[in-house]
Amino acid sequence: QVQLVESGGGLVQAGGSLTLSCVVSGFTSDYSTIGWFRQAPGKEREGVSCIRRRDGDLYYHDSVKDRFTASRDNAKNTIYLQMNNLKPEDTAVYYCAVEVRGSSCYMGYSSGMDFWGKGTLVTVSS
């Protein structure tokens, strides 16, 4: 059974930092990409970053470039999202998601992702 479990969310002041984690388990076949998405209240889910499984290539959507850093620990089956200089507009539920095949993560298409975690809430106060 595929599981993605996020953790690390919380309340932080603007300008602060948080690190999210996502533990991945249950995959019996390969997948192409794992990524972070987020959904703010009243808004659509949007892409944050992507990690290509084959070579660890990283991609960031414009809204978080230069502030967020994604990484992975293959031995722990875990990916991370280091978030710095947080802004109130970063407030959202953050999800990790897996795409078996395709480029939906890089396009920010949440509908193209195949497996999802339940999310972790990040709240940034002004």
PDB file of N, CA and C in Angstrom:
ATOM      1  N   GLN A   1       0.848  -1.191   0.000  1.00  0.00           N
ATOM      2  CA  GLN A   1       0.000   0.000   0.000  1.00  0.00           C
ATOM      3  C   GLN A   1       0.885   1.244   0.000  1.00  0.00           C
ATOM      4  N   VAL A   2       0.677   2.093  -0.983  1.00  0.00           N
ATOM      5  CA  VAL A   2       1.472   3.314  -1.091  1.00  0.00           C
ATOM      6  C   VAL A   2       1.043   4.308  -0.015  1.00  0.00           C
ATOM      7  N   GLN A   3       2.028   4.853   0.660  1.00  0.00           N
ATOM      8  CA  GLN A   3       1.754   5.876   1.669  1.00  0.00           C
ATOM      9  C   GLN A   3       2.744   7.016   1.547  1.00  0.00           C
ATOM     10  N   LEU A   4       2.225   8.217   1.678  1.00  0.00           N
ATOM     11  CA  LEU A   4       3.052   9.407   1.767  1.00  0.00           C
ATOM     12  C   LEU A   4       2.583  10.155   3.015  1.00  0.00           C
ATOM     13  N   VAL A   5       3.510  10.396   3.920  1.00  0.00           N
ATOM     14  CA  VAL A   5       3.140  11.016   5.183  1.00  0.00           C
ATOM     15  C   VAL A   5       3.978  12.267   5.403  1.00  0.00           C
ATOM     16  N   GLU A   6       3.300  13.407   5.403  1.00  0.00           N
ATOM     17  CA  GLU A   6       3.982  14.682   5.605  1.00  0.00           C
ATOM     18  C   GLU A   6       4.018  15.038   7.091  1.00  0.00           C
ATOM     19  N   SER A   7       5.012  15.816   7.460  1.00  0.00           N
ATOM     20  CA  SER A   7       5.100  16.354   8.811  1.00  0.00           C
ATOM     21  C   SER A   7       5.931  17.631   8.779  1.00  0.00           C
ATOM     22  N   GLY A   8       5.893  18.356   9.896  1.00  0.00           N
ATOM     23  CA  GLY A   8       6.734  19.532  10.032  1.00  0.00           C
ATOM     24  C   GLY A   8       6.026  20.866   9.907  1.00  0.00           C
ATOM     25  N   GLY A   9       4.743  20.840   9.604  1.00  0.00           N
ATOM     26  CA  GLY A   9       4.022  22.100   9.509  1.00  0.00           C
ATOM     27  C   GLY A   9       3.834  22.743  10.870  1.00  0.00           C
ATOM     28  N   GLY A  10       3.374  23.979  10.851  1.00  0.00           N
ATOM     29  CA  GLY A  10       3.141  24.689  12.095  1.00  0.00           C
ATOM     30  C   GLY A  10       2.932  26.167  11.859  1.00  0.00           C
ATOM     31  N   LEU A  11       2.978  26.907  12.944  1.00  0.00           N
ATOM     32  CA  LEU A  11       2.787  28.356  12.910  1.00  0.00           C
ATOM     33  C   LEU A  11       4.151  29.038  13.020  1.00  0.00           C
ATOM     34  N   VAL A  12       4.399  29.971  12.135  1.00  0.00           N
ATOM     35  CA  VAL A  12       5.683  30.681  12.138  1.00  0.00           C
ATOM     36  C   VAL A  12       5.440  32.136  11.754  1.00  0.00           C
ATOM     37  N   GLN A  13       6.269  33.008  12.245  1.00  0.00           N
ATOM     38  CA  GLN A  13       6.154  34.422  11.888  1.00  0.00           C
ATOM     39  C   GLN A  13       6.774  34.679  10.518  1.00  0.00           C
ATOM     40  N   ALA A  14       6.305  35.717   9.879  1.00  0.00           N
ATOM     41  CA  ALA A  14       6.870  36.107   8.595  1.00  0.00           C
ATOM     42  C   ALA A  14       8.373  36.298   8.736  1.00  0.00           C
ATOM     43  N   GLY A  15       9.100  35.805   7.742  1.00  0.00           N
ATOM     44  CA  GLY A  15      10.548  35.863   7.780  1.00  0.00           C
ATOM     45  C   GLY A  15      11.193  34.639   8.398  1.00  0.00           C
ATOM     46  N   GLY A  16      10.380  33.802   9.020  1.00  0.00           N
ATOM     47  CA  GLY A  16      10.900  32.607   9.666  1.00  0.00           C
ATOM     48  C   GLY A  16      11.080  31.441   8.711  1.00  0.00           C
ATOM     49  N   SER A  17      11.421  30.296   9.289  1.00  0.00           N
ATOM     50  CA  SER A  17      11.728  29.104   8.501  1.00  0.00           C
ATOM     51  C   SER A  17      11.018  27.882   9.069  1.00  0.00           C
ATOM     52  N   LEU A  18      10.761  26.937   8.198  1.00  0.00           N
ATOM     53  CA  LEU A  18      10.235  25.632   8.580  1.00  0.00           C
ATOM     54  C   LEU A  18      10.807  24.599   7.621  1.00  0.00           C
ATOM     55  N   THR A  19      10.903  23.368   8.097  1.00  0.00           N
ATOM     56  CA  THR A  19      11.293  22.265   7.224  1.00  0.00           C
ATOM     57  C   THR A  19      10.216  21.190   7.270  1.00  0.00           C
ATOM     58  N   LEU A  20       9.687  20.866   6.112  1.00  0.00           N
ATOM     59  CA  LEU A  20       8.699  19.812   5.989  1.00  0.00           C
ATOM     60  C   LEU A  20       9.375  18.512   5.573  1.00  0.00           C
ATOM     61  N   SER A  21       8.789  17.406   5.998  1.00  0.00           N
ATOM     62  CA  SER A  21       9.284  16.085   5.613  1.00  0.00           C
ATOM     63  C   SER A  21       8.139  15.282   5.013  1.00  0.00           C
ATOM     64  N   CYS A  22       8.496  14.353   4.150  1.00  0.00           N
ATOM     65  CA  CYS A  22       7.511  13.434   3.583  1.00  0.00           C
ATOM     66  C   CYS A  22       8.162  12.066   3.482  1.00  0.00           C
ATOM     67  N   VAL A  23       7.623  11.111   4.236  1.00  0.00           N
ATOM     68  CA  VAL A  23       8.122   9.748   4.197  1.00  0.00           C
ATOM     69  C   VAL A  23       7.283   8.961   3.198  1.00  0.00           C
ATOM     70  N   VAL A  24       7.964   8.272   2.302  1.00  0.00           N
ATOM     71  CA  VAL A  24       7.316   7.539   1.217  1.00  0.00           C
ATOM     72  C   VAL A  24       7.500   6.043   1.443  1.00  0.00           C
ATOM     73  N   SER A  25       6.427   5.290   1.309  1.00  0.00           N
ATOM     74  CA  SER A  25       6.539   3.839   1.473  1.00  0.00           C
ATOM     75  C   SER A  25       5.541   3.123   0.583  1.00  0.00           C
ATOM     76  N   GLY A  26       5.798   1.847   0.369  1.00  0.00           N
ATOM     77  CA  GLY A  26       4.841   0.990  -0.308  1.00  0.00           C
ATOM     78  C   GLY A  26       4.953   0.899  -1.809  1.00  0.00           C
ATOM     79  N   PHE A  27       5.940   1.575  -2.390  1.00  0.00           N
ATOM     80  CA  PHE A  27       6.068   1.497  -3.839  1.00  0.00           C
ATOM     81  C   PHE A  27       6.746   0.196  -4.235  1.00  0.00           C
ATOM     82  N   THR A  28       6.110  -0.564  -5.129  1.00  0.00           N
ATOM     83  CA  THR A  28       6.683  -1.808  -5.631  1.00  0.00           C
ATOM     84  C   THR A  28       7.162  -1.645  -7.067  1.00  0.00           C
ATOM     85  N   SER A  29       6.902  -0.512  -7.658  1.00  0.00           N
ATOM     86  CA  SER A  29       7.384  -0.238  -9.007  1.00  0.00           C
ATOM     87  C   SER A  29       7.969   1.167  -9.040  1.00  0.00           C
ATOM     88  N   ASP A  30       8.562   1.510 -10.140  1.00  0.00           N
ATOM     89  CA  ASP A  30       9.253   2.786 -10.242  1.00  0.00           C
ATOM     90  C   ASP A  30       8.256   3.931 -10.436  1.00  0.00           C
ATOM     91  N   TYR A  31       8.704   5.131 -10.132  1.00  0.00           N
ATOM     92  CA  TYR A  31       7.940   6.329 -10.456  1.00  0.00           C
ATOM     93  C   TYR A  31       8.928   7.391 -10.911  1.00  0.00           C
ATOM     94  N   SER A  32       8.414   8.397 -11.576  1.00  0.00           N
ATOM     95  CA  SER A  32       9.329   9.350 -12.190  1.00  0.00           C
ATOM     96  C   SER A  32       9.650  10.554 -11.316  1.00  0.00           C
ATOM     97  N   THR A  33       8.661  11.045 -10.592  1.00  0.00           N
ATOM     98  CA  THR A  33       8.840  12.333  -9.918  1.00  0.00           C
ATOM     99  C   THR A  33       8.086  12.365  -8.599  1.00  0.00           C
ATOM    100  N   ILE A  34       8.683  13.013  -7.632  1.00  0.00           N
ATOM    101  CA  ILE A  34       7.987  13.297  -6.382  1.00  0.00           C
ATOM    102  C   ILE A  34       8.057  14.806  -6.155  1.00  0.00           C
ATOM    103  N   GLY A  35       6.977  15.363  -5.683  1.00  0.00           N
ATOM    104  CA  GLY A  35       6.964  16.808  -5.567  1.00  0.00           C
ATOM    105  C   GLY A  35       6.165  17.316  -4.392  1.00  0.00           C
ATOM    106  N   TRP A  36       6.256  18.625  -4.195  1.00  0.00           N
ATOM    107  CA  TRP A  36       5.471  19.320  -3.182  1.00  0.00           C
ATOM    108  C   TRP A  36       4.462  20.232  -3.881  1.00  0.00           C
ATOM    109  N   PHE A  37       3.251  20.186  -3.385  1.00  0.00           N
ATOM    110  CA  PHE A  37       2.195  21.090  -3.813  1.00  0.00           C
ATOM    111  C   PHE A  37       1.648  21.781  -2.575  1.00  0.00           C
ATOM    112  N   ARG A  38       0.895  22.828  -2.778  1.00  0.00           N
ATOM    113  CA  ARG A  38       0.248  23.491  -1.643  1.00  0.00           C
ATOM    114  C   ARG A  38      -1.111  24.038  -2.068  1.00  0.00           C
ATOM    115  N   GLN A  39      -1.973  24.174  -1.072  1.00  0.00           N
ATOM    116  CA  GLN A  39      -3.301  24.718  -1.332  1.00  0.00           C
ATOM    117  C   GLN A  39      -3.665  25.691  -0.230  1.00  0.00           C
ATOM    118  N   ALA A  40      -3.790  26.939  -0.602  1.00  0.00           N
ATOM    119  CA  ALA A  40      -4.198  27.983   0.332  1.00  0.00           C
ATOM    120  C   ALA A  40      -5.724  28.017   0.419  1.00  0.00           C
ATOM    121  N   PRO A  41      -6.260  28.545   1.505  1.00  0.00           N
ATOM    122  CA  PRO A  41      -7.716  28.621   1.648  1.00  0.00           C
ATOM    123  C   PRO A  41      -8.369  29.342   0.480  1.00  0.00           C
ATOM    124  N   GLY A  42      -9.345  28.714  -0.121  1.00  0.00           N
ATOM    125  CA  GLY A  42     -10.081  29.320  -1.213  1.00  0.00           C
ATOM    126  C   GLY A  42      -9.362  29.346  -2.545  1.00  0.00           C
ATOM    127  N   LYS A  43      -8.214  28.700  -2.618  1.00  0.00           N
ATOM    128  CA  LYS A  43      -7.445  28.710  -3.860  1.00  0.00           C
ATOM    129  C   LYS A  43      -7.216  27.304  -4.373  1.00  0.00           C
ATOM    130  N   GLU A  44      -6.809  27.214  -5.632  1.00  0.00           N
ATOM    131  CA  GLU A  44      -6.503  25.919  -6.213  1.00  0.00           C
ATOM    132  C   GLU A  44      -5.143  25.422  -5.719  1.00  0.00           C
ATOM    133  N   ARG A  45      -4.996  24.118  -5.768  1.00  0.00           N
ATOM    134  CA  ARG A  45      -3.718  23.517  -5.412  1.00  0.00           C
ATOM    135  C   ARG A  45      -2.674  23.917  -6.462  1.00  0.00           C
ATOM    136  N   GLU A  46      -1.484  24.288  -5.995  1.00  0.00           N
ATOM    137  CA  GLU A  46      -0.443  24.727  -6.927  1.00  0.00           C
ATOM    138  C   GLU A  46       0.872  24.014  -6.653  1.00  0.00           C
ATOM    139  N   GLY A  47       1.672  23.896  -7.699  1.00  0.00           N
ATOM    140  CA  GLY A  47       2.954  23.241  -7.566  1.00  0.00           C
ATOM    141  C   GLY A  47       3.957  24.107  -6.823  1.00  0.00           C
ATOM    142  N   VAL A  48       4.838  23.448  -6.079  1.00  0.00           N
ATOM    143  CA  VAL A  48       5.888  24.125  -5.337  1.00  0.00           C
ATOM    144  C   VAL A  48       7.257  23.684  -5.854  1.00  0.00           C
ATOM    145  N   SER A  49       7.521  22.382  -5.801  1.00  0.00           N
ATOM    146  CA  SER A  49       8.807  21.891  -6.277  1.00  0.00           C
ATOM    147  C   SER A  49       8.670  20.437  -6.707  1.00  0.00           C
ATOM    148  N   CYS A  50       9.671  19.972  -7.483  1.00  0.00           N
ATOM    149  CA  CYS A  50       9.690  18.602  -7.979  1.00  0.00           C
ATOM    150  C   CYS A  50      11.095  18.033  -7.860  1.00  0.00           C
ATOM    151  N   ILE A  51      11.170  16.737  -7.585  1.00  0.00           N
ATOM    152  CA  ILE A  51      12.440  16.018  -7.576  1.00  0.00           C
ATOM    153  C   ILE A  51      12.307  14.834  -8.516  1.00  0.00           C
ATOM    154  N   ARG A  52      13.162  14.792  -9.516  1.00  0.00           N
ATOM    155  CA  ARG A  52      13.141  13.663 -10.433  1.00  0.00           C
ATOM    156  C   ARG A  52      13.861  12.494  -9.784  1.00  0.00           C
ATOM    157  N   ARG A  53      13.197  11.373  -9.718  1.00  0.00           N
ATOM    158  CA  ARG A  53      13.729  10.245  -8.969  1.00  0.00           C
ATOM    159  C   ARG A  53      15.029   9.728  -9.559  1.00  0.00           C
ATOM    160  N   ARG A  54      15.112   9.700 -10.862  1.00  0.00           N
ATOM    161  CA  ARG A  54      16.246   9.070 -11.541  1.00  0.00           C
ATOM    162  C   ARG A  54      17.561   9.715 -11.158  1.00  0.00           C
ATOM    163  N   ASP A  55      17.601  11.043 -11.113  1.00  0.00           N
ATOM    164  CA  ASP A  55      18.878  11.713 -10.888  1.00  0.00           C
ATOM    165  C   ASP A  55      18.824  12.827  -9.860  1.00  0.00           C
ATOM    166  N   GLY A  56      17.673  12.983  -9.205  1.00  0.00           N
ATOM    167  CA  GLY A  56      17.574  14.004  -8.173  1.00  0.00           C
ATOM    168  C   GLY A  56      17.462  15.419  -8.686  1.00  0.00           C
ATOM    169  N   ASP A  57      17.222  15.561  -9.975  1.00  0.00           N
ATOM    170  CA  ASP A  57      17.092  16.898 -10.536  1.00  0.00           C
ATOM    171  C   ASP A  57      15.975  17.652  -9.814  1.00  0.00           C
ATOM    172  N   LEU A  58      16.243  18.923  -9.495  1.00  0.00           N
ATOM    173  CA  LEU A  58      15.291  19.737  -8.736  1.00  0.00           C
ATOM    174  C   LEU A  58      14.647  20.795  -9.620  1.00  0.00           C
ATOM    175  N   TYR A  59      13.391  21.073  -9.328  1.00  0.00           N
ATOM    176  CA  TYR A  59      12.673  22.123 -10.041  1.00  0.00           C
ATOM    177  C   TYR A  59      11.828  22.884  -9.044  1.00  0.00           C
ATOM    178  N   TYR A  60      11.777  24.194  -9.203  1.00  0.00           N
ATOM    179  CA  TYR A  60      10.985  25.041  -8.317  1.00  0.00           C
ATOM    180  C   TYR A  60      10.061  25.925  -9.139  1.00  0.00           C
ATOM    181  N   HIS A  61       8.845  26.072  -8.647  1.00  0.00           N
ATOM    182  CA  HIS A  61       7.935  27.009  -9.274  1.00  0.00           C
ATOM    183  C   HIS A  61       8.309  28.423  -8.838  1.00  0.00           C
ATOM    184  N   ASP A  62       7.948  29.389  -9.679  1.00  0.00           N
ATOM    185  CA  ASP A  62       8.442  30.758  -9.515  1.00  0.00           C
ATOM    186  C   ASP A  62       8.153  31.353  -8.139  1.00  0.00           C
ATOM    187  N   SER A  63       7.020  31.015  -7.567  1.00  0.00           N
ATOM    188  CA  SER A  63       6.602  31.651  -6.317  1.00  0.00           C
ATOM    189  C   SER A  63       7.529  31.337  -5.146  1.00  0.00           C
ATOM    190  N   VAL A  64       8.326  30.291  -5.254  1.00  0.00           N
ATOM    191  CA  VAL A  64       9.165  29.890  -4.120  1.00  0.00           C
ATOM    192  C   VAL A  64      10.647  29.855  -4.451  1.00  0.00           C
ATOM    193  N   LYS A  65      10.994  30.171  -5.676  1.00  0.00           N
ATOM    194  CA  LYS A  65      12.406  30.153  -6.061  1.00  0.00           C
ATOM    195  C   LYS A  65      13.223  31.051  -5.153  1.00  0.00           C
ATOM    196  N   ASP A  66      14.396  30.612  -4.815  1.00  0.00           N
ATOM    197  CA  ASP A  66      15.353  31.351  -3.984  1.00  0.00           C
ATOM    198  C   ASP A  66      14.963  31.406  -2.515  1.00  0.00           C
ATOM    199  N   ARG A  67      13.813  30.832  -2.150  1.00  0.00           N
ATOM    200  CA  ARG A  67      13.424  30.801  -0.741  1.00  0.00           C
ATOM    201  C   ARG A  67      13.269  29.375  -0.215  1.00  0.00           C
ATOM    202  N   PHE A  68      12.826  28.476  -1.073  1.00  0.00           N
ATOM    203  CA  PHE A  68      12.593  27.090  -0.670  1.00  0.00           C
ATOM    204  C   PHE A  68      13.652  26.190  -1.299  1.00  0.00           C
ATOM    205  N   THR A  69      14.020  25.138  -0.561  1.00  0.00           N
ATOM    206  CA  THR A  69      14.982  24.167  -1.065  1.00  0.00           C
ATOM    207  C   THR A  69      14.443  22.752  -0.815  1.00  0.00           C
ATOM    208  N   ALA A  70      14.340  21.988  -1.866  1.00  0.00           N
ATOM    209  CA  ALA A  70      13.905  20.597  -1.757  1.00  0.00           C
ATOM    210  C   ALA A  70      15.128  19.692  -1.728  1.00  0.00           C
ATOM    211  N   SER A  71      14.986  18.572  -1.039  1.00  0.00           N
ATOM    212  CA  SER A  71      16.073  17.604  -0.981  1.00  0.00           C
ATOM    213  C   SER A  71      15.489  16.226  -0.698  1.00  0.00           C
ATOM    214  N   ARG A  72      16.334  15.221  -0.757  1.00  0.00           N
ATOM    215  CA  ARG A  72      15.867  13.870  -0.481  1.00  0.00           C
ATOM    216  C   ARG A  72      16.947  13.083   0.222  1.00  0.00           C
ATOM    217  N   ASP A  73      16.491  12.100   0.969  1.00  0.00           N
ATOM    218  CA  ASP A  73      17.366  11.139   1.619  1.00  0.00           C
ATOM    219  C   ASP A  73      16.874   9.766   1.183  1.00  0.00           C
ATOM    220  N   ASN A  74      17.541   9.181   0.203  1.00  0.00           N
ATOM    221  CA  ASN A  74      17.071   7.906  -0.351  1.00  0.00           C
ATOM    222  C   ASN A  74      17.087   6.797   0.685  1.00  0.00           C
ATOM    223  N   ALA A  75      18.053   6.823   1.573  1.00  0.00           N
ATOM    224  CA  ALA A  75      18.155   5.765   2.593  1.00  0.00           C
ATOM    225  C   ALA A  75      16.960   5.776   3.533  1.00  0.00           C
ATOM    226  N   LYS A  76      16.386   6.958   3.713  1.00  0.00           N
ATOM    227  CA  LYS A  76      15.242   7.090   4.620  1.00  0.00           C
ATOM    228  C   LYS A  76      13.920   7.179   3.861  1.00  0.00           C
ATOM    229  N   ASN A  77      13.979   7.074   2.548  1.00  0.00           N
ATOM    230  CA  ASN A  77      12.762   7.219   1.723  1.00  0.00           C
ATOM    231  C   ASN A  77      12.000   8.489   2.077  1.00  0.00           C
ATOM    232  N   THR A  78      12.742   9.553   2.232  1.00  0.00           N
ATOM    233  CA  THR A  78      12.157  10.802   2.719  1.00  0.00           C
ATOM    234  C   THR A  78      12.595  11.960   1.830  1.00  0.00           C
ATOM    235  N   ILE A  79      11.655  12.859   1.572  1.00  0.00           N
ATOM    236  CA  ILE A  79      12.007  14.121   0.929  1.00  0.00           C
ATOM    237  C   ILE A  79      11.723  15.249   1.905  1.00  0.00           C
ATOM    238  N   TYR A  80      12.385  16.361   1.666  1.00  0.00           N
ATOM    239  CA  TYR A  80      12.283  17.501   2.566  1.00  0.00           C
ATOM    240  C   TYR A  80      12.005  18.767   1.760  1.00  0.00           C
ATOM    241  N   LEU A  81      11.420  19.735   2.446  1.00  0.00           N
ATOM    242  CA  LEU A  81      11.248  21.059   1.861  1.00  0.00           C
ATOM    243  C   LEU A  81      11.649  22.072   2.916  1.00  0.00           C
ATOM    244  N   GLN A  82      12.823  22.657   2.729  1.00  0.00           N
ATOM    245  CA  GLN A  82      13.309  23.706   3.615  1.00  0.00           C
ATOM    246  C   GLN A  82      12.739  25.025   3.125  1.00  0.00           C
ATOM    247  N   MET A  83      11.984  25.692   3.979  1.00  0.00           N
ATOM    248  CA  MET A  83      11.308  26.929   3.592  1.00  0.00           C
ATOM    249  C   MET A  83      11.865  28.082   4.416  1.00  0.00           C
ATOM    250  N   ASN A  84      12.466  29.025   3.748  1.00  0.00           N
ATOM    251  CA  ASN A  84      13.060  30.195   4.406  1.00  0.00           C
ATOM    252  C   ASN A  84      12.325  31.466   3.996  1.00  0.00           C
ATOM    253  N   ASN A  85      12.527  32.507   4.805  1.00  0.00           N
ATOM    254  CA  ASN A  85      11.921  33.800   4.520  1.00  0.00           C
ATOM    255  C   ASN A  85      10.432  33.639   4.183  1.00  0.00           C
ATOM    256  N   LEU A  86       9.743  32.947   5.046  1.00  0.00           N
ATOM    257  CA  LEU A  86       8.327  32.672   4.805  1.00  0.00           C
ATOM    258  C   LEU A  86       7.503  33.951   4.822  1.00  0.00           C
ATOM    259  N   LYS A  87       6.476  33.954   3.981  1.00  0.00           N
ATOM    260  CA  LYS A  87       5.584  35.103   3.860  1.00  0.00           C
ATOM    261  C   LYS A  87       4.160  34.674   4.180  1.00  0.00           C
ATOM    262  N   PRO A  88       3.321  35.606   4.590  1.00  0.00           N
ATOM    263  CA  PRO A  88       1.924  35.230   4.869  1.00  0.00           C
ATOM    264  C   PRO A  88       1.255  34.519   3.692  1.00  0.00           C
ATOM    265  N   GLU A  89       1.623  34.863   2.492  1.00  0.00           N
ATOM    266  CA  GLU A  89       1.019  34.211   1.321  1.00  0.00           C
ATOM    267  C   GLU A  89       1.498  32.780   1.113  1.00  0.00           C
ATOM    268  N   ASP A  90       2.452  32.336   1.912  1.00  0.00           N
ATOM    269  CA  ASP A  90       2.871  30.934   1.881  1.00  0.00           C
ATOM    270  C   ASP A  90       1.954  30.065   2.745  1.00  0.00           C
ATOM    271  N   THR A  91       1.044  30.684   3.474  1.00  0.00           N
ATOM    272  CA  THR A  91       0.106  29.927   4.305  1.00  0.00           C
ATOM    273  C   THR A  91      -0.724  29.001   3.435  1.00  0.00           C
ATOM    274  N   ALA A  92      -0.680  27.705   3.761  1.00  0.00           N
ATOM    275  CA  ALA A  92      -1.371  26.700   2.946  1.00  0.00           C
ATOM    276  C   ALA A  92      -1.200  25.335   3.596  1.00  0.00           C
ATOM    277  N   VAL A  93      -1.971  24.382   3.107  1.00  0.00           N
ATOM    278  CA  VAL A  93      -1.704  22.976   3.398  1.00  0.00           C
ATOM    279  C   VAL A  93      -0.707  22.496   2.344  1.00  0.00           C
ATOM    280  N   TYR A  94       0.375  21.923   2.811  1.00  0.00           N
ATOM    281  CA  TYR A  94       1.424  21.438   1.914  1.00  0.00           C
ATOM    282  C   TYR A  94       1.318  19.926   1.779  1.00  0.00           C
ATOM    283  N   TYR A  95       1.347  19.481   0.544  1.00  0.00           N
ATOM    284  CA  TYR A  95       1.214  18.063   0.237  1.00  0.00           C
ATOM    285  C   TYR A  95       2.444  17.564  -0.514  1.00  0.00           C
ATOM    286  N   CYS A  96       2.843  16.336  -0.251  1.00  0.00           N
ATOM    287  CA  CYS A  96       3.772  15.691  -1.165  1.00  0.00           C
ATOM    288  C   CYS A  96       2.972  14.738  -2.047  1.00  0.00           C
ATOM    289  N   ALA A  97       3.458  14.546  -3.243  1.00  0.00           N
ATOM    290  CA  ALA A  97       2.728  13.754  -4.226  1.00  0.00           C
ATOM    291  C   ALA A  97       3.704  13.085  -5.173  1.00  0.00           C
ATOM    292  N   VAL A  98       3.294  11.949  -5.685  1.00  0.00           N
ATOM    293  CA  VAL A  98       4.122  11.161  -6.593  1.00  0.00           C
ATOM    294  C   VAL A  98       3.460  11.074  -7.964  1.00  0.00           C
ATOM    295  N   GLU A  99       4.268  11.229  -8.974  1.00  0.00           N
ATOM    296  CA  GLU A  99       3.828  11.067 -10.359  1.00  0.00           C
ATOM    297  C   GLU A  99       4.558   9.855 -10.930  1.00  0.00           C
ATOM    298  N   VAL A 100       3.790   8.867 -11.361  1.00  0.00           N
ATOM    299  CA  VAL A 100       4.410   7.646 -11.873  1.00  0.00           C
ATOM    300  C   VAL A 100       5.116   7.910 -13.205  1.00  0.00           C
ATOM    301  N   ARG A 101       4.458   8.637 -14.063  1.00  0.00           N
ATOM    302  CA  ARG A 101       5.035   8.882 -15.390  1.00  0.00           C
ATOM    303  C   ARG A 101       4.458  10.187 -15.925  1.00  0.00           C
ATOM    304  N   GLY A 102       5.302  11.014 -16.520  1.00  0.00           N
ATOM    305  CA  GLY A 102       4.817  12.246 -17.130  1.00  0.00           C
ATOM    306  C   GLY A 102       5.521  13.478 -16.605  1.00  0.00           C
ATOM    307  N   SER A 103       4.930  14.616 -16.870  1.00  0.00           N
ATOM    308  CA  SER A 103       5.543  15.887 -16.504  1.00  0.00           C
ATOM    309  C   SER A 103       4.579  16.812 -15.769  1.00  0.00           C
ATOM    310  N   SER A 104       3.564  16.236 -15.179  1.00  0.00           N
ATOM    311  CA  SER A 104       2.579  17.065 -14.483  1.00  0.00           C
ATOM    312  C   SER A 104       3.175  17.881 -13.356  1.00  0.00           C
ATOM    313  N   CYS A 105       4.113  17.284 -12.632  1.00  0.00           N
ATOM    314  CA  CYS A 105       4.713  18.025 -11.512  1.00  0.00           C
ATOM    315  C   CYS A 105       5.369  19.293 -12.014  1.00  0.00           C
ATOM    316  N   TYR A 106       6.143  19.176 -13.078  1.00  0.00           N
ATOM    317  CA  TYR A 106       6.856  20.325 -13.603  1.00  0.00           C
ATOM    318  C   TYR A 106       5.898  21.376 -14.171  1.00  0.00           C
ATOM    319  N   MET A 107       4.745  20.938 -14.614  1.00  0.00           N
ATOM    320  CA  MET A 107       3.731  21.859 -15.133  1.00  0.00           C
ATOM    321  C   MET A 107       2.837  22.395 -14.034  1.00  0.00           C
ATOM    322  N   GLY A 108       2.974  21.851 -12.831  1.00  0.00           N
ATOM    323  CA  GLY A 108       2.111  22.277 -11.733  1.00  0.00           C
ATOM    324  C   GLY A 108       0.698  21.734 -11.811  1.00  0.00           C
ATOM    325  N   TYR A 109       0.520  20.635 -12.537  1.00  0.00           N
ATOM    326  CA  TYR A 109      -0.810  20.053 -12.711  1.00  0.00           C
ATOM    327  C   TYR A 109      -1.064  19.022 -11.621  1.00  0.00           C
ATOM    328  N   SER A 110      -1.783  19.425 -10.594  1.00  0.00           N
ATOM    329  CA  SER A 110      -2.044  18.508  -9.493  1.00  0.00           C
ATOM    330  C   SER A 110      -2.885  17.316  -9.963  1.00  0.00           C
ATOM    331  N   SER A 111      -3.729  17.525 -10.963  1.00  0.00           N
ATOM    332  CA  SER A 111      -4.592  16.439 -11.438  1.00  0.00           C
ATOM    333  C   SER A 111      -3.801  15.317 -12.067  1.00  0.00           C
ATOM    334  N   GLY A 112      -2.572  15.576 -12.450  1.00  0.00           N
ATOM    335  CA  GLY A 112      -1.751  14.552 -13.077  1.00  0.00           C
ATOM    336  C   GLY A 112      -0.915  13.739 -12.115  1.00  0.00           C
ATOM    337  N   MET A 113      -0.932  14.101 -10.855  1.00  0.00           N
ATOM    338  CA  MET A 113      -0.177  13.350  -9.858  1.00  0.00           C
ATOM    339  C   MET A 113      -0.972  12.122  -9.451  1.00  0.00           C
ATOM    340  N   ASP A 114      -0.267  11.047  -9.108  1.00  0.00           N
ATOM    341  CA  ASP A 114      -0.938   9.764  -8.907  1.00  0.00           C
ATOM    342  C   ASP A 114      -1.184   9.396  -7.450  1.00  0.00           C
ATOM    343  N   PHE A 115      -0.312   9.827  -6.571  1.00  0.00           N
ATOM    344  CA  PHE A 115      -0.457   9.478  -5.149  1.00  0.00           C
ATOM    345  C   PHE A 115      -0.219  10.732  -4.318  1.00  0.00           C
ATOM    346  N   TRP A 116      -0.992  10.840  -3.228  1.00  0.00           N
ATOM    347  CA  TRP A 116      -0.931  12.031  -2.383  1.00  0.00           C
ATOM    348  C   TRP A 116      -0.846  11.681  -0.915  1.00  0.00           C
ATOM    349  N   GLY A 117      -0.151  12.537  -0.177  1.00  0.00           N
ATOM    350  CA  GLY A 117      -0.246  12.491   1.263  1.00  0.00           C
ATOM    351  C   GLY A 117      -1.452  13.289   1.720  1.00  0.00           C
ATOM    352  N   LYS A 118      -1.669  13.312   3.023  1.00  0.00           N
ATOM    353  CA  LYS A 118      -2.835  14.015   3.574  1.00  0.00           C
ATOM    354  C   LYS A 118      -2.549  15.487   3.830  1.00  0.00           C
ATOM    355  N   GLY A 119      -1.282  15.866   3.791  1.00  0.00           N
ATOM    356  CA  GLY A 119      -0.931  17.265   3.920  1.00  0.00           C
ATOM    357  C   GLY A 119      -0.552  17.677   5.327  1.00  0.00           C
ATOM    358  N   THR A 120       0.170  18.789   5.404  1.00  0.00           N
ATOM    359  CA  THR A 120       0.534  19.387   6.685  1.00  0.00           C
ATOM    360  C   THR A 120       0.339  20.894   6.560  1.00  0.00           C
ATOM    361  N   LEU A 121      -0.257  21.502   7.584  1.00  0.00           N
ATOM    362  CA  LEU A 121      -0.638  22.909   7.514  1.00  0.00           C
ATOM    363  C   LEU A 121       0.520  23.803   7.933  1.00  0.00           C
ATOM    364  N   VAL A 122       0.798  24.779   7.098  1.00  0.00           N
ATOM    365  CA  VAL A 122       1.777  25.824   7.401  1.00  0.00           C
ATOM    366  C   VAL A 122       1.037  27.152   7.492  1.00  0.00           C
ATOM    367  N   THR A 123       1.187  27.817   8.614  1.00  0.00           N
ATOM    368  CA  THR A 123       0.549  29.114   8.809  1.00  0.00           C
ATOM    369  C   THR A 123       1.634  30.150   9.093  1.00  0.00           C
ATOM    370  N   VAL A 124       1.664  31.200   8.293  1.00  0.00           N
ATOM    371  CA  VAL A 124       2.656  32.257   8.452  1.00  0.00           C
ATOM    372  C   VAL A 124       1.936  33.522   8.883  1.00  0.00           C
ATOM    373  N   SER A 125       2.279  33.995  10.054  1.00  0.00           N
ATOM    374  CA  SER A 125       1.631  35.202  10.576  1.00  0.00           C
ATOM    375  C   SER A 125       2.443  36.445  10.204  1.00  0.00           C
ATOM    376  N   SER A 126       1.730  37.555  10.046  1.00  0.00           N
ATOM    377  CA  SER A 126       2.403  38.791   9.642  1.00  0.00           C
ATOM    378  C   SER A 126       2.845  39.597  10.839  1.00  0.00           C
TER     379      SER A 126
END
